[in-house]
Amino acid sequence: MMSQNRQDKKDRVRSELDFDVNRRAESEIQGLSRMLHLLNEKIDDLGDFARRTVPHSQPNEK
């Protein structure tokens, strides 16, 4: 019985640690996701800027 109680306590502690690790990992993943979203927006803005400022090529006239 004492052995079972010790094992239960170890299992509970391990479960709590796993939960904490998962929570931190999820938080980091959300931060990375936000960062990627911002980078994509900036890339889109640069593309828009380039399309507005770079003159279009004109076909060669003969």
PDB file of N, CA and C in Angstrom:
ATOM      1  N   MET A   1       0.825  -1.197   0.000  1.00  0.00           N
ATOM      2  CA  MET A   1       0.000   0.000   0.000  1.00  0.00           C
ATOM      3  C   MET A   1       0.870   1.262   0.000  1.00  0.00           C
ATOM      4  N   MET A   2       1.918   1.283   0.811  1.00  0.00           N
ATOM      5  CA  MET A   2       2.803   2.462   0.854  1.00  0.00           C
ATOM      6  C   MET A   2       3.503   2.637  -0.488  1.00  0.00           C
ATOM      7  N   SER A   3       3.869   1.521  -1.092  1.00  0.00           N
ATOM      8  CA  SER A   3       4.520   1.567  -2.394  1.00  0.00           C
ATOM      9  C   SER A   3       3.573   2.165  -3.439  1.00  0.00           C
ATOM     10  N   GLN A   4       2.320   1.784  -3.358  1.00  0.00           N
ATOM     11  CA  GLN A   4       1.326   2.306  -4.300  1.00  0.00           C
ATOM     12  C   GLN A   4       1.133   3.808  -4.094  1.00  0.00           C
ATOM     13  N   ASN A   5       1.128   4.263  -2.846  1.00  0.00           N
ATOM     14  CA  ASN A   5       0.990   5.690  -2.546  1.00  0.00           C
ATOM     15  C   ASN A   5       2.175   6.480  -3.098  1.00  0.00           C
ATOM     16  N   ARG A   6       3.388   5.918  -2.946  1.00  0.00           N
ATOM     17  CA  ARG A   6       4.571   6.604  -3.471  1.00  0.00           C
ATOM     18  C   ARG A   6       4.490   6.701  -4.996  1.00  0.00           C
ATOM     19  N   GLN A   7       4.066   5.618  -5.609  1.00  0.00           N
ATOM     20  CA  GLN A   7       3.944   5.616  -7.067  1.00  0.00           C
ATOM     21  C   GLN A   7       2.873   6.612  -7.517  1.00  0.00           C
ATOM     22  N   ASP A   8       1.768   6.686  -6.796  1.00  0.00           N
ATOM     23  CA  ASP A   8       0.714   7.654  -7.119  1.00  0.00           C
ATOM     24  C   ASP A   8       1.239   9.083  -7.032  1.00  0.00           C
ATOM     25  N   LYS A   9       2.043   9.346  -5.995  1.00  0.00           N
ATOM     26  CA  LYS A   9       2.606  10.687  -5.828  1.00  0.00           C
ATOM     27  C   LYS A   9       3.572  10.999  -6.973  1.00  0.00           C
ATOM     28  N   LYS A  10       4.415  10.029  -7.323  1.00  0.00           N
ATOM     29  CA  LYS A  10       5.343  10.229  -8.440  1.00  0.00           C
ATOM     30  C   LYS A  10       4.576  10.488  -9.735  1.00  0.00           C
ATOM     31  N   ASP A  11       3.529   9.726  -9.959  1.00  0.00           N
ATOM     32  CA  ASP A  11       2.724   9.901 -11.161  1.00  0.00           C
ATOM     33  C   ASP A  11       2.071  11.283 -11.195  1.00  0.00           C
ATOM     34  N   ARG A  12       1.586  11.742 -10.048  1.00  0.00           N
ATOM     35  CA  ARG A  12       0.938  13.056  -9.969  1.00  0.00           C
ATOM     36  C   ARG A  12       1.957  14.166 -10.252  1.00  0.00           C
ATOM     37  N   VAL A  13       3.139  14.047  -9.656  1.00  0.00           N
ATOM     38  CA  VAL A  13       4.185  15.059  -9.880  1.00  0.00           C
ATOM     39  C   VAL A  13       4.597  15.064 -11.345  1.00  0.00           C
ATOM     40  N   ARG A  14       4.776  13.877 -11.916  1.00  0.00           N
ATOM     41  CA  ARG A  14       5.157  13.779 -13.335  1.00  0.00           C
ATOM     42  C   ARG A  14       4.070  14.400 -14.218  1.00  0.00           C
ATOM     43  N   SER A  15       2.831  14.144 -13.883  1.00  0.00           N
ATOM     44  CA  SER A  15       1.719  14.698 -14.647  1.00  0.00           C
ATOM     45  C   SER A  15       1.697  16.230 -14.553  1.00  0.00           C
ATOM     46  N   GLU A  16       1.935  16.766 -13.377  1.00  0.00           N
ATOM     47  CA  GLU A  16       1.975  18.226 -13.197  1.00  0.00           C
ATOM     48  C   GLU A  16       3.119  18.840 -13.993  1.00  0.00           C
ATOM     49  N   LEU A  17       4.276  18.190 -13.978  1.00  0.00           N
ATOM     50  CA  LEU A  17       5.422  18.690 -14.740  1.00  0.00           C
ATOM     51  C   LEU A  17       5.133  18.649 -16.241  1.00  0.00           C
ATOM     52  N   ASP A  18       4.527  17.570 -16.703  1.00  0.00           N
ATOM     53  CA  ASP A  18       4.158  17.467 -18.118  1.00  0.00           C
ATOM     54  C   ASP A  18       3.198  18.585 -18.503  1.00  0.00           C
ATOM     55  N   PHE A  19       2.234  18.858 -17.635  1.00  0.00           N
ATOM     56  CA  PHE A  19       1.267  19.918 -17.903  1.00  0.00           C
ATOM     57  C   PHE A  19       1.970  21.266 -18.028  1.00  0.00           C
ATOM     58  N   ASP A  20       2.901  21.550 -17.100  1.00  0.00           N
ATOM     59  CA  ASP A  20       3.637  22.817 -17.146  1.00  0.00           C
ATOM     60  C   ASP A  20       4.454  22.942 -18.426  1.00  0.00           C
ATOM     61  N   VAL A  21       5.124  21.864 -18.804  1.00  0.00           N
ATOM     62  CA  VAL A  21       5.927  21.878 -20.027  1.00  0.00           C
ATOM     63  C   VAL A  21       5.029  22.124 -21.233  1.00  0.00           C
ATOM     64  N   ASN A  22       3.893  21.440 -21.286  1.00  0.00           N
ATOM     65  CA  ASN A  22       2.965  21.615 -22.407  1.00  0.00           C
ATOM     66  C   ASN A  22       2.421  23.037 -22.466  1.00  0.00           C
ATOM     67  N   ARG A  23       2.138  23.611 -21.311  1.00  0.00           N
ATOM     68  CA  ARG A  23       1.614  24.980 -21.275  1.00  0.00           C
ATOM     69  C   ARG A  23       2.662  25.972 -21.785  1.00  0.00           C
ATOM     70  N   ARG A  24       3.912  25.796 -21.364  1.00  0.00           N
ATOM     71  CA  ARG A  24       4.971  26.688 -21.843  1.00  0.00           C
ATOM     72  C   ARG A  24       5.211  26.508 -23.337  1.00  0.00           C
ATOM     73  N   ALA A  25       5.183  25.257 -23.799  1.00  0.00           N
ATOM     74  CA  ALA A  25       5.380  24.996 -25.224  1.00  0.00           C
ATOM     75  C   ALA A  25       4.267  25.646 -26.041  1.00  0.00           C
ATOM     76  N   GLU A  26       3.044  25.534 -25.569  1.00  0.00           N
ATOM     77  CA  GLU A  26       1.921  26.153 -26.280  1.00  0.00           C
ATOM     78  C   GLU A  26       2.080  27.666 -26.342  1.00  0.00           C
ATOM     79  N   SER A  27       2.534  28.256 -25.252  1.00  0.00           N
ATOM     80  CA  SER A  27       2.741  29.701 -25.212  1.00  0.00           C
ATOM     81  C   SER A  27       3.822  30.113 -26.215  1.00  0.00           C
ATOM     82  N   GLU A  28       4.910  29.362 -26.280  1.00  0.00           N
ATOM     83  CA  GLU A  28       5.968  29.672 -27.235  1.00  0.00           C
ATOM     84  C   GLU A  28       5.481  29.506 -28.666  1.00  0.00           C
ATOM     85  N   ILE A  29       4.710  28.471 -28.923  1.00  0.00           N
ATOM     86  CA  ILE A  29       4.179  28.236 -30.266  1.00  0.00           C
ATOM     87  C   ILE A  29       3.261  29.377 -30.673  1.00  0.00           C
ATOM     88  N   GLN A  30       2.430  29.847 -29.757  1.00  0.00           N
ATOM     89  CA  GLN A  30       1.544  30.973 -30.068  1.00  0.00           C
ATOM     90  C   GLN A  30       2.361  32.226 -30.378  1.00  0.00           C
ATOM     91  N   GLY A  31       3.434  32.451 -29.616  1.00  0.00           N
ATOM     92  CA  GLY A  31       4.304  33.603 -29.882  1.00  0.00           C
ATOM     93  C   GLY A  31       4.955  33.507 -31.254  1.00  0.00           C
ATOM     94  N   LEU A  32       5.430  32.318 -31.599  1.00  0.00           N
ATOM     95  CA  LEU A  32       6.033  32.119 -32.919  1.00  0.00           C
ATOM     96  C   LEU A  32       5.002  32.302 -34.028  1.00  0.00           C
ATOM     97  N   SER A  33       3.802  31.834 -33.780  1.00  0.00           N
ATOM     98  CA  SER A  33       2.736  31.993 -34.770  1.00  0.00           C
ATOM     99  C   SER A  33       2.435  33.475 -35.004  1.00  0.00           C
ATOM    100  N   ARG A  34       2.374  34.250 -33.927  1.00  0.00           N
ATOM    101  CA  ARG A  34       2.137  35.700 -34.067  1.00  0.00           C
ATOM    102  C   ARG A  34       3.277  36.348 -34.857  1.00  0.00           C
ATOM    103  N   MET A  35       4.515  35.928 -34.562  1.00  0.00           N
ATOM    104  CA  MET A  35       5.671  36.490 -35.242  1.00  0.00           C
ATOM    105  C   MET A  35       5.631  36.165 -36.742  1.00  0.00           C
ATOM    106  N   LEU A  36       5.286  34.926 -37.078  1.00  0.00           N
ATOM    107  CA  LEU A  36       5.185  34.546 -38.493  1.00  0.00           C
ATOM    108  C   LEU A  36       4.093  35.339 -39.199  1.00  0.00           C
ATOM    109  N   HIS A  37       2.982  35.543 -38.509  1.00  0.00           N
ATOM    110  CA  HIS A  37       1.888  36.323 -39.092  1.00  0.00           C
ATOM    111  C   HIS A  37       2.360  37.753 -39.388  1.00  0.00           C
ATOM    112  N   LEU A  38       3.076  38.355 -38.442  1.00  0.00           N
ATOM    113  CA  LEU A  38       3.582  39.717 -38.655  1.00  0.00           C
ATOM    114  C   LEU A  38       4.578  39.762 -39.807  1.00  0.00           C
ATOM    115  N   LEU A  39       5.451  38.757 -39.884  1.00  0.00           N
ATOM    116  CA  LEU A  39       6.419  38.713 -40.983  1.00  0.00           C
ATOM    117  C   LEU A  39       5.715  38.577 -42.325  1.00  0.00           C
ATOM    118  N   ASN A  40       4.682  37.744 -42.387  1.00  0.00           N
ATOM    119  CA  ASN A  40       3.921  37.597 -43.628  1.00  0.00           C
ATOM    120  C   ASN A  40       3.263  38.915 -44.021  1.00  0.00           C
ATOM    121  N   GLU A  41       2.732  39.635 -43.054  1.00  0.00           N
ATOM    122  CA  GLU A  41       2.130  40.933 -43.355  1.00  0.00           C
ATOM    123  C   GLU A  41       3.171  41.903 -43.906  1.00  0.00           C
ATOM    124  N   LYS A  42       4.363  41.895 -43.315  1.00  0.00           N
ATOM    125  CA  LYS A  42       5.433  42.788 -43.781  1.00  0.00           C
ATOM    126  C   LYS A  42       5.873  42.413 -45.193  1.00  0.00           C
ATOM    127  N   ILE A  43       5.972  41.121 -45.475  1.00  0.00           N
ATOM    128  CA  ILE A  43       6.338  40.673 -46.820  1.00  0.00           C
ATOM    129  C   ILE A  43       5.273  41.117 -47.818  1.00  0.00           C
ATOM    130  N   ASP A  44       4.009  40.977 -47.448  1.00  0.00           N
ATOM    131  CA  ASP A  44       2.927  41.441 -48.326  1.00  0.00           C
ATOM    132  C   ASP A  44       3.029  42.944 -48.555  1.00  0.00           C
ATOM    133  N   ASP A  45       3.321  43.689 -47.486  1.00  0.00           N
ATOM    134  CA  ASP A  45       3.470  45.145 -47.625  1.00  0.00           C
ATOM    135  C   ASP A  45       4.620  45.488 -48.569  1.00  0.00           C
ATOM    136  N   LEU A  46       5.741  44.766 -48.467  1.00  0.00           N
ATOM    137  CA  LEU A  46       6.878  45.009 -49.353  1.00  0.00           C
ATOM    138  C   LEU A  46       6.510  44.701 -50.809  1.00  0.00           C
ATOM    139  N   GLY A  47       5.768  43.624 -51.013  1.00  0.00           N
ATOM    140  CA  GLY A  47       5.324  43.292 -52.365  1.00  0.00           C
ATOM    141  C   GLY A  47       4.436  44.379 -52.932  1.00  0.00           C
ATOM    142  N   ASP A  48       3.505  44.866 -52.120  1.00  0.00           N
ATOM    143  CA  ASP A  48       2.628  45.956 -52.557  1.00  0.00           C
ATOM    144  C   ASP A  48       3.444  47.200 -52.899  1.00  0.00           C
ATOM    145  N   PHE A  49       4.409  47.520 -52.043  1.00  0.00           N
ATOM    146  CA  PHE A  49       5.262  48.685 -52.250  1.00  0.00           C
ATOM    147  C   PHE A  49       6.048  48.537 -53.549  1.00  0.00           C
ATOM    148  N   ALA A  50       6.613  47.356 -53.774  1.00  0.00           N
ATOM    149  CA  ALA A  50       7.410  47.125 -54.981  1.00  0.00           C
ATOM    150  C   ALA A  50       6.539  47.256 -56.225  1.00  0.00           C
ATOM    151  N   ARG A  51       5.333  46.722 -56.176  1.00  0.00           N
ATOM    152  CA  ARG A  51       4.446  46.823 -57.335  1.00  0.00           C
ATOM    153  C   ARG A  51       4.060  48.277 -57.622  1.00  0.00           C
ATOM    154  N   ARG A  52       3.935  49.088 -56.584  1.00  0.00           N
ATOM    155  CA  ARG A  52       3.563  50.497 -56.780  1.00  0.00           C
ATOM    156  C   ARG A  52       4.733  51.332 -57.282  1.00  0.00           C
ATOM    157  N   THR A  53       5.956  51.007 -56.874  1.00  0.00           N
ATOM    158  CA  THR A  53       7.087  51.893 -57.157  1.00  0.00           C
ATOM    159  C   THR A  53       7.930  51.467 -58.348  1.00  0.00           C
ATOM    160  N   VAL A  54       7.976  50.196 -58.660  1.00  0.00           N
ATOM    161  CA  VAL A  54       8.802  49.743 -59.787  1.00  0.00           C
ATOM    162  C   VAL A  54       7.978  49.887 -61.062  1.00  0.00           C
ATOM    163  N   PRO A  55       8.527  50.620 -62.022  1.00  0.00           N
ATOM    164  CA  PRO A  55       7.767  50.804 -63.265  1.00  0.00           C
ATOM    165  C   PRO A  55       7.631  49.462 -63.989  1.00  0.00           C
ATOM    166  N   HIS A  56       6.488  49.302 -64.618  1.00  0.00           N
ATOM    167  CA  HIS A  56       6.248  48.090 -65.401  1.00  0.00           C
ATOM    168  C   HIS A  56       7.064  48.137 -66.675  1.00  0.00           C
ATOM    169  N   SER A  57       7.552  46.998 -67.122  1.00  0.00           N
ATOM    170  CA  SER A  57       8.299  46.959 -68.383  1.00  0.00           C
ATOM    171  C   SER A  57       7.338  47.175 -69.546  1.00  0.00           C
ATOM    172  N   GLN A  58       7.782  47.937 -70.487  1.00  0.00           N
ATOM    173  CA  GLN A  58       7.005  48.193 -71.676  1.00  0.00           C
ATOM    174  C   GLN A  58       7.524  47.267 -72.784  1.00  0.00           C
ATOM    175  N   PRO A  59       6.640  46.720 -73.574  1.00  0.00           N
ATOM    176  CA  PRO A  59       7.107  45.876 -74.679  1.00  0.00           C
ATOM    177  C   PRO A  59       7.940  46.700 -75.652  1.00  0.00           C
ATOM    178  N   ASN A  60       8.937  46.075 -76.239  1.00  0.00           N
ATOM    179  CA  ASN A  60       9.798  46.780 -77.202  1.00  0.00           C
ATOM    180  C   ASN A  60       8.986  47.142 -78.439  1.00  0.00           C
ATOM    181  N   GLU A  61       9.082  48.414 -78.800  1.00  0.00           N
ATOM    182  CA  GLU A  61       8.371  48.894 -80.004  1.00  0.00           C
ATOM    183  C   GLU A  61       9.334  48.878 -81.171  1.00  0.00           C
ATOM    184  N   LYS A  62       8.874  48.426 -82.320  1.00  0.00           N
ATOM    185  CA  LYS A  62       9.736  48.379 -83.503  1.00  0.00           C
ATOM    186  C   LYS A  62       9.206  49.257 -84.571  1.00  0.00           C
TER     187      LYS A  62
END
